[in-house]
Amino acid sequence: MSQLPRLSGRELVRALGKVGFVLKRQQGSHMILRREYPWAQTVVPDHKELDRGTLRAILRQAEVSVLQLYNLLNDS
């Protein structure tokens, strides 16, 4: 299950919120999310569909694996 899902920026923000990220501010179409512990910050573009390279870079910055992302998306 290493293949990345197709997500919008808002879907990714919702998933990252489950691991402690909060929206700090938004500048244009860029949403800046921050987690206090362990400290991490990432920028998520507010697009209908994120490019796979962009999604992979955001996950790397957020220290979230692809498997964790799938679990976050499937938790309701």
PDB file of N, CA and C in Angstrom:
ATOM      1  N   MET A   1       0.822  -1.189   0.000  1.00  0.00           N
ATOM      2  CA  MET A   1       0.000   0.000   0.000  1.00  0.00           C
ATOM      3  C   MET A   1       0.867   1.253   0.000  1.00  0.00           C
ATOM      4  N   SER A   2       1.967   1.247  -0.734  1.00  0.00           N
ATOM      5  CA  SER A   2       2.858   2.390  -0.748  1.00  0.00           C
ATOM      6  C   SER A   2       2.445   3.428  -1.787  1.00  0.00           C
ATOM      7  N   GLN A   3       1.454   3.112  -2.599  1.00  0.00           N
ATOM      8  CA  GLN A   3       1.006   4.049  -3.603  1.00  0.00           C
ATOM      9  C   GLN A   3       0.211   5.166  -2.926  1.00  0.00           C
ATOM     10  N   LEU A   4       0.487   6.385  -3.332  1.00  0.00           N
ATOM     11  CA  LEU A   4      -0.159   7.544  -2.714  1.00  0.00           C
ATOM     12  C   LEU A   4      -1.590   7.701  -3.216  1.00  0.00           C
ATOM     13  N   PRO A   5      -2.501   8.069  -2.328  1.00  0.00           N
ATOM     14  CA  PRO A   5      -3.878   8.309  -2.756  1.00  0.00           C
ATOM     15  C   PRO A   5      -4.001   9.675  -3.427  1.00  0.00           C
ATOM     16  N   ARG A   6      -5.060   9.853  -4.178  1.00  0.00           N
ATOM     17  CA  ARG A   6      -5.375  11.155  -4.771  1.00  0.00           C
ATOM     18  C   ARG A   6      -6.180  11.940  -3.742  1.00  0.00           C
ATOM     19  N   LEU A   7      -5.639  13.068  -3.300  1.00  0.00           N
ATOM     20  CA  LEU A   7      -6.284  13.866  -2.256  1.00  0.00           C
ATOM     21  C   LEU A   7      -6.343  15.328  -2.658  1.00  0.00           C
ATOM     22  N   SER A   8      -7.335  16.014  -2.122  1.00  0.00           N
ATOM     23  CA  SER A   8      -7.357  17.470  -2.238  1.00  0.00           C
ATOM     24  C   SER A   8      -6.589  18.043  -1.044  1.00  0.00           C
ATOM     25  N   GLY A   9      -6.276  19.309  -1.117  1.00  0.00           N
ATOM     26  CA  GLY A   9      -5.576  19.951  -0.011  1.00  0.00           C
ATOM     27  C   GLY A   9      -6.386  19.920   1.274  1.00  0.00           C
ATOM     28  N   ARG A  10      -7.683  20.139   1.161  1.00  0.00           N
ATOM     29  CA  ARG A  10      -8.539  20.154   2.355  1.00  0.00           C
ATOM     30  C   ARG A  10      -8.667  18.770   2.987  1.00  0.00           C
ATOM     31  N   GLU A  11      -8.696  17.722   2.165  1.00  0.00           N
ATOM     32  CA  GLU A  11      -8.743  16.360   2.706  1.00  0.00           C
ATOM     33  C   GLU A  11      -7.459  16.048   3.478  1.00  0.00           C
ATOM     34  N   LEU A  12      -6.330  16.517   2.957  1.00  0.00           N
ATOM     35  CA  LEU A  12      -5.068  16.292   3.639  1.00  0.00           C
ATOM     36  C   LEU A  12      -5.005  17.067   4.955  1.00  0.00           C
ATOM     37  N   VAL A  13      -5.496  18.287   4.967  1.00  0.00           N
ATOM     38  CA  VAL A  13      -5.519  19.074   6.199  1.00  0.00           C
ATOM     39  C   VAL A  13      -6.370  18.386   7.258  1.00  0.00           C
ATOM     40  N   ARG A  14      -7.504  17.834   6.852  1.00  0.00           N
ATOM     41  CA  ARG A  14      -8.387  17.114   7.777  1.00  0.00           C
ATOM     42  C   ARG A  14      -7.674  15.887   8.362  1.00  0.00           C
ATOM     43  N   ALA A  15      -6.946  15.160   7.522  1.00  0.00           N
ATOM     44  CA  ALA A  15      -6.212  13.982   7.984  1.00  0.00           C
ATOM     45  C   ALA A  15      -5.070  14.373   8.920  1.00  0.00           C
ATOM     46  N   LEU A  16      -4.325  15.416   8.563  1.00  0.00           N
ATOM     47  CA  LEU A  16      -3.215  15.841   9.410  1.00  0.00           C
ATOM     48  C   LEU A  16      -3.702  16.406  10.746  1.00  0.00           C
ATOM     49  N   GLY A  17      -4.918  16.932  10.758  1.00  0.00           N
ATOM     50  CA  GLY A  17      -5.492  17.416  12.012  1.00  0.00           C
ATOM     51  C   GLY A  17      -5.653  16.312  13.039  1.00  0.00           C
ATOM     52  N   LYS A  18      -5.791  15.087  12.583  1.00  0.00           N
ATOM     53  CA  LYS A  18      -5.947  13.950  13.494  1.00  0.00           C
ATOM     54  C   LYS A  18      -4.649  13.581  14.194  1.00  0.00           C
ATOM     55  N   VAL A  19      -3.509  14.062  13.699  1.00  0.00           N
ATOM     56  CA  VAL A  19      -2.230  13.793  14.354  1.00  0.00           C
ATOM     57  C   VAL A  19      -1.648  15.056  14.977  1.00  0.00           C
ATOM     58  N   GLY A  20      -2.504  16.046  15.236  1.00  0.00           N
ATOM     59  CA  GLY A  20      -2.089  17.209  16.008  1.00  0.00           C
ATOM     60  C   GLY A  20      -1.774  18.469  15.237  1.00  0.00           C
ATOM     61  N   PHE A  21      -1.909  18.470  13.929  1.00  0.00           N
ATOM     62  CA  PHE A  21      -1.643  19.681  13.162  1.00  0.00           C
ATOM     63  C   PHE A  21      -2.847  20.610  13.220  1.00  0.00           C
ATOM     64  N   VAL A  22      -2.570  21.900  13.351  1.00  0.00           N
ATOM     65  CA  VAL A  22      -3.632  22.913  13.346  1.00  0.00           C
ATOM     66  C   VAL A  22      -3.285  23.958  12.284  1.00  0.00           C
ATOM     67  N   LEU A  23      -4.322  24.534  11.714  1.00  0.00           N
ATOM     68  CA  LEU A  23      -4.146  25.582  10.718  1.00  0.00           C
ATOM     69  C   LEU A  23      -3.750  26.865  11.439  1.00  0.00           C
ATOM     70  N   LYS A  24      -2.545  27.340  11.189  1.00  0.00           N
ATOM     71  CA  LYS A  24      -2.065  28.567  11.829  1.00  0.00           C
ATOM     72  C   LYS A  24      -2.497  29.799  11.047  1.00  0.00           C
ATOM     73  N   ARG A  25      -2.385  29.700   9.719  1.00  0.00           N
ATOM     74  CA  ARG A  25      -2.780  30.839   8.885  1.00  0.00           C
ATOM     75  C   ARG A  25      -2.896  30.369   7.450  1.00  0.00           C
ATOM     76  N   GLN A  26      -3.465  31.217   6.628  1.00  0.00           N
ATOM     77  CA  GLN A  26      -3.576  30.918   5.206  1.00  0.00           C
ATOM     78  C   GLN A  26      -3.185  32.151   4.437  1.00  0.00           C
ATOM     79  N   GLN A  27      -2.337  31.960   3.451  1.00  0.00           N
ATOM     80  CA  GLN A  27      -1.899  33.068   2.620  1.00  0.00           C
ATOM     81  C   GLN A  27      -2.199  32.690   1.177  1.00  0.00           C
ATOM     82  N   GLY A  28      -3.250  33.259   0.631  1.00  0.00           N
ATOM     83  CA  GLY A  28      -3.684  32.896  -0.711  1.00  0.00           C
ATOM     84  C   GLY A  28      -4.203  31.472  -0.708  1.00  0.00           C
ATOM     85  N   SER A  29      -3.630  30.627  -1.543  1.00  0.00           N
ATOM     86  CA  SER A  29      -4.087  29.239  -1.596  1.00  0.00           C
ATOM     87  C   SER A  29      -3.171  28.318  -0.792  1.00  0.00           C
ATOM     88  N   HIS A  30      -2.314  28.873   0.045  1.00  0.00           N
ATOM     89  CA  HIS A  30      -1.390  28.070   0.837  1.00  0.00           C
ATOM     90  C   HIS A  30      -1.818  28.068   2.305  1.00  0.00           C
ATOM     91  N   MET A  31      -2.080  26.864   2.820  1.00  0.00           N
ATOM     92  CA  MET A  31      -2.480  26.710   4.220  1.00  0.00           C
ATOM     93  C   MET A  31      -1.258  26.256   5.012  1.00  0.00           C
ATOM     94  N   ILE A  32      -0.912  27.005   6.057  1.00  0.00           N
ATOM     95  CA  ILE A  32       0.254  26.698   6.866  1.00  0.00           C
ATOM     96  C   ILE A  32      -0.221  25.973   8.116  1.00  0.00           C
ATOM     97  N   LEU A  33       0.241  24.739   8.271  1.00  0.00           N
ATOM     98  CA  LEU A  33      -0.149  23.924   9.418  1.00  0.00           C
ATOM     99  C   LEU A  33       1.044  23.738  10.336  1.00  0.00           C
ATOM    100  N   ARG A  34       0.762  23.651  11.645  1.00  0.00           N
ATOM    101  CA  ARG A  34       1.827  23.490  12.619  1.00  0.00           C
ATOM    102  C   ARG A  34       1.397  22.502  13.689  1.00  0.00           C
ATOM    103  N   ARG A  35       2.376  21.728  14.141  1.00  0.00           N
ATOM    104  CA  ARG A  35       2.172  20.814  15.266  1.00  0.00           C
ATOM    105  C   ARG A  35       3.209  21.195  16.310  1.00  0.00           C
ATOM    106  N   GLU A  36       2.788  21.279  17.577  1.00  0.00           N
ATOM    107  CA  GLU A  36       3.697  21.710  18.626  1.00  0.00           C
ATOM    108  C   GLU A  36       4.651  20.613  19.071  1.00  0.00           C
ATOM    109  N   TYR A  37       4.136  19.390  19.298  1.00  0.00           N
ATOM    110  CA  TYR A  37       5.018  18.326  19.783  1.00  0.00           C
ATOM    111  C   TYR A  37       4.757  17.032  19.071  1.00  0.00           C
ATOM    112  N   PRO A  38       5.720  16.420  18.455  1.00  0.00           N
ATOM    113  CA  PRO A  38       7.030  16.997  18.124  1.00  0.00           C
ATOM    114  C   PRO A  38       6.846  18.089  17.074  1.00  0.00           C
ATOM    115  N   TRP A  39       7.634  19.150  17.211  1.00  0.00           N
ATOM    116  CA  TRP A  39       7.427  20.332  16.391  1.00  0.00           C
ATOM    117  C   TRP A  39       7.599  20.009  14.907  1.00  0.00           C
ATOM    118  N   ALA A  40       6.635  20.447  14.129  1.00  0.00           N
ATOM    119  CA  ALA A  40       6.699  20.304  12.676  1.00  0.00           C
ATOM    120  C   ALA A  40       5.804  21.364  12.047  1.00  0.00           C
ATOM    121  N   GLN A  41       6.192  21.818  10.889  1.00  0.00           N
ATOM    122  CA  GLN A  41       5.390  22.793  10.149  1.00  0.00           C
ATOM    123  C   GLN A  41       5.432  22.413   8.678  1.00  0.00           C
ATOM    124  N   THR A  42       4.305  22.573   8.018  1.00  0.00           N
ATOM    125  CA  THR A  42       4.234  22.254   6.599  1.00  0.00           C
ATOM    126  C   THR A  42       3.236  23.179   5.914  1.00  0.00           C
ATOM    127  N   VAL A  43       3.373  23.303   4.628  1.00  0.00           N
ATOM    128  CA  VAL A  43       2.487  24.144   3.822  1.00  0.00           C
ATOM    129  C   VAL A  43       1.716  23.223   2.881  1.00  0.00           C
ATOM    130  N   VAL A  44       0.392  23.358   2.907  1.00  0.00           N
ATOM    131  CA  VAL A  44      -0.472  22.538   2.056  1.00  0.00           C
ATOM    132  C   VAL A  44      -1.209  23.460   1.088  1.00  0.00           C
ATOM    133  N   PRO A  45      -1.038  23.264  -0.219  1.00  0.00           N
ATOM    134  CA  PRO A  45      -1.778  24.080  -1.182  1.00  0.00           C
ATOM    135  C   PRO A  45      -3.252  23.683  -1.195  1.00  0.00           C
ATOM    136  N   ASP A  46      -4.110  24.665  -1.306  1.00  0.00           N
ATOM    137  CA  ASP A  46      -5.559  24.429  -1.321  1.00  0.00           C
ATOM    138  C   ASP A  46      -5.989  24.158  -2.766  1.00  0.00           C
ATOM    139  N   HIS A  47      -5.612  22.981  -3.272  1.00  0.00           N
ATOM    140  CA  HIS A  47      -5.945  22.588  -4.639  1.00  0.00           C
ATOM    141  C   HIS A  47      -6.944  21.437  -4.626  1.00  0.00           C
ATOM    142  N   LYS A  48      -7.640  21.253  -5.738  1.00  0.00           N
ATOM    143  CA  LYS A  48      -8.609  20.159  -5.842  1.00  0.00           C
ATOM    144  C   LYS A  48      -7.911  18.807  -5.813  1.00  0.00           C
ATOM    145  N   GLU A  49      -6.713  18.728  -6.370  1.00  0.00           N
ATOM    146  CA  GLU A  49      -5.939  17.487  -6.338  1.00  0.00           C
ATOM    147  C   GLU A  49      -4.463  17.832  -6.222  1.00  0.00           C
ATOM    148  N   LEU A  50      -3.810  17.255  -5.222  1.00  0.00           N
ATOM    149  CA  LEU A  50      -2.395  17.505  -4.999  1.00  0.00           C
ATOM    150  C   LEU A  50      -1.560  16.605  -5.904  1.00  0.00           C
ATOM    151  N   ASP A  51      -0.479  17.148  -6.419  1.00  0.00           N
ATOM    152  CA  ASP A  51       0.464  16.330  -7.175  1.00  0.00           C
ATOM    153  C   ASP A  51       1.088  15.316  -6.228  1.00  0.00           C
ATOM    154  N   ARG A  52       1.469  14.179  -6.749  1.00  0.00           N
ATOM    155  CA  ARG A  52       2.031  13.114  -5.895  1.00  0.00           C
ATOM    156  C   ARG A  52       3.348  13.534  -5.263  1.00  0.00           C
ATOM    157  N   GLY A  53       4.184  14.251  -5.984  1.00  0.00           N
ATOM    158  CA  GLY A  53       5.451  14.717  -5.414  1.00  0.00           C
ATOM    159  C   GLY A  53       5.228  15.705  -4.290  1.00  0.00           C
ATOM    160  N   THR A  54       4.239  16.583  -4.464  1.00  0.00           N
ATOM    161  CA  THR A  54       3.894  17.548  -3.421  1.00  0.00           C
ATOM    162  C   THR A  54       3.373  16.828  -2.192  1.00  0.00           C
ATOM    163  N   LEU A  55       2.493  15.852  -2.392  1.00  0.00           N
ATOM    164  CA  LEU A  55       1.944  15.091  -1.271  1.00  0.00           C
ATOM    165  C   LEU A  55       3.053  14.351  -0.536  1.00  0.00           C
ATOM    166  N   ARG A  56       3.969  13.743  -1.276  1.00  0.00           N
ATOM    167  CA  ARG A  56       5.068  13.007  -0.638  1.00  0.00           C
ATOM    168  C   ARG A  56       5.958  13.954   0.173  1.00  0.00           C
ATOM    169  N   ALA A  57       6.228  15.143  -0.350  1.00  0.00           N
ATOM    170  CA  ALA A  57       7.045  16.120   0.372  1.00  0.00           C
ATOM    171  C   ALA A  57       6.349  16.592   1.648  1.00  0.00           C
ATOM    172  N   ILE A  58       5.039  16.802   1.586  1.00  0.00           N
ATOM    173  CA  ILE A  58       4.283  17.229   2.768  1.00  0.00           C
ATOM    174  C   ILE A  58       4.312  16.133   3.828  1.00  0.00           C
ATOM    175  N   LEU A  59       4.127  14.890   3.415  1.00  0.00           N
ATOM    176  CA  LEU A  59       4.165  13.780   4.368  1.00  0.00           C
ATOM    177  C   LEU A  59       5.551  13.662   5.011  1.00  0.00           C
ATOM    178  N   ARG A  60       6.594  13.872   4.243  1.00  0.00           N
ATOM    179  CA  ARG A  60       7.952  13.818   4.777  1.00  0.00           C
ATOM    180  C   ARG A  60       8.157  14.919   5.815  1.00  0.00           C
ATOM    181  N   GLN A  61       7.685  16.139   5.530  1.00  0.00           N
ATOM    182  CA  GLN A  61       7.824  17.250   6.467  1.00  0.00           C
ATOM    183  C   GLN A  61       7.007  17.008   7.729  1.00  0.00           C
ATOM    184  N   ALA A  62       5.844  16.381   7.572  1.00  0.00           N
ATOM    185  CA  ALA A  62       4.956  16.131   8.704  1.00  0.00           C
ATOM    186  C   ALA A  62       5.353  14.875   9.478  1.00  0.00           C
ATOM    187  N   GLU A  63       6.329  14.130   8.954  1.00  0.00           N
ATOM    188  CA  GLU A  63       6.785  12.883   9.571  1.00  0.00           C
ATOM    189  C   GLU A  63       5.637  11.882   9.687  1.00  0.00           C
ATOM    190  N   VAL A  64       4.882  11.746   8.591  1.00  0.00           N
ATOM    191  CA  VAL A  64       3.753  10.820   8.509  1.00  0.00           C
ATOM    192  C   VAL A  64       4.038   9.867   7.347  1.00  0.00           C
ATOM    193  N   SER A  65       3.913   8.571   7.602  1.00  0.00           N
ATOM    194  CA  SER A  65       4.147   7.587   6.544  1.00  0.00           C
ATOM    195  C   SER A  65       2.889   7.445   5.685  1.00  0.00           C
ATOM    196  N   VAL A  66       3.046   6.796   4.544  1.00  0.00           N
ATOM    197  CA  VAL A  66       1.915   6.564   3.646  1.00  0.00           C
ATOM    198  C   VAL A  66       0.888   5.661   4.339  1.00  0.00           C
ATOM    199  N   LEU A  67       1.375   4.649   5.069  1.00  0.00           N
ATOM    200  CA  LEU A  67       0.475   3.752   5.793  1.00  0.00           C
ATOM    201  C   LEU A  67      -0.309   4.509   6.861  1.00  0.00           C
ATOM    202  N   GLN A  68       0.362   5.408   7.585  1.00  0.00           N
ATOM    203  CA  GLN A  68      -0.337   6.230   8.581  1.00  0.00           C
ATOM    204  C   GLN A  68      -1.392   7.098   7.907  1.00  0.00           C
ATOM    205  N   LEU A  69      -1.070   7.642   6.738  1.00  0.00           N
ATOM    206  CA  LEU A  69      -2.033   8.472   6.012  1.00  0.00           C
ATOM    207  C   LEU A  69      -3.272   7.681   5.661  1.00  0.00           C
ATOM    208  N   TYR A  70      -3.088   6.448   5.154  1.00  0.00           N
ATOM    209  CA  TYR A  70      -4.242   5.607   4.854  1.00  0.00           C
ATOM    210  C   TYR A  70      -5.089   5.358   6.088  1.00  0.00           C
ATOM    211  N   ASN A  71      -4.431   5.103   7.222  1.00  0.00           N
ATOM    212  CA  ASN A  71      -5.178   4.873   8.470  1.00  0.00           C
ATOM    213  C   ASN A  71      -5.931   6.122   8.898  1.00  0.00           C
ATOM    214  N   LEU A  72      -5.331   7.290   8.739  1.00  0.00           N
ATOM    215  CA  LEU A  72      -5.998   8.545   9.097  1.00  0.00           C
ATOM    216  C   LEU A  72      -7.196   8.803   8.192  1.00  0.00           C
ATOM    217  N   LEU A  73      -7.066   8.474   6.916  1.00  0.00           N
ATOM    218  CA  LEU A  73      -8.160   8.684   5.984  1.00  0.00           C
ATOM    219  C   LEU A  73      -9.322   7.730   6.243  1.00  0.00           C
ATOM    220  N   ASN A  74      -9.027   6.524   6.714  1.00  0.00           N
ATOM    221  CA  ASN A  74     -10.076   5.535   6.946  1.00  0.00           C
ATOM    222  C   ASN A  74     -10.738   5.667   8.304  1.00  0.00           C
ATOM    223  N   ASP A  75     -10.105   6.394   9.246  1.00  0.00           N
ATOM    224  CA  ASP A  75     -10.740   6.656  10.544  1.00  0.00           C
ATOM    225  C   ASP A  75     -11.790   7.733  10.347  1.00  0.00           C
ATOM    226  N   SER A  76     -12.988   7.464  10.786  1.00  0.00           N
ATOM    227  CA  SER A  76     -14.054   8.463  10.618  1.00  0.00           C
ATOM    228  C   SER A  76     -14.373   9.183  11.887  1.00  0.00           C
TER     229      SER A  76
END
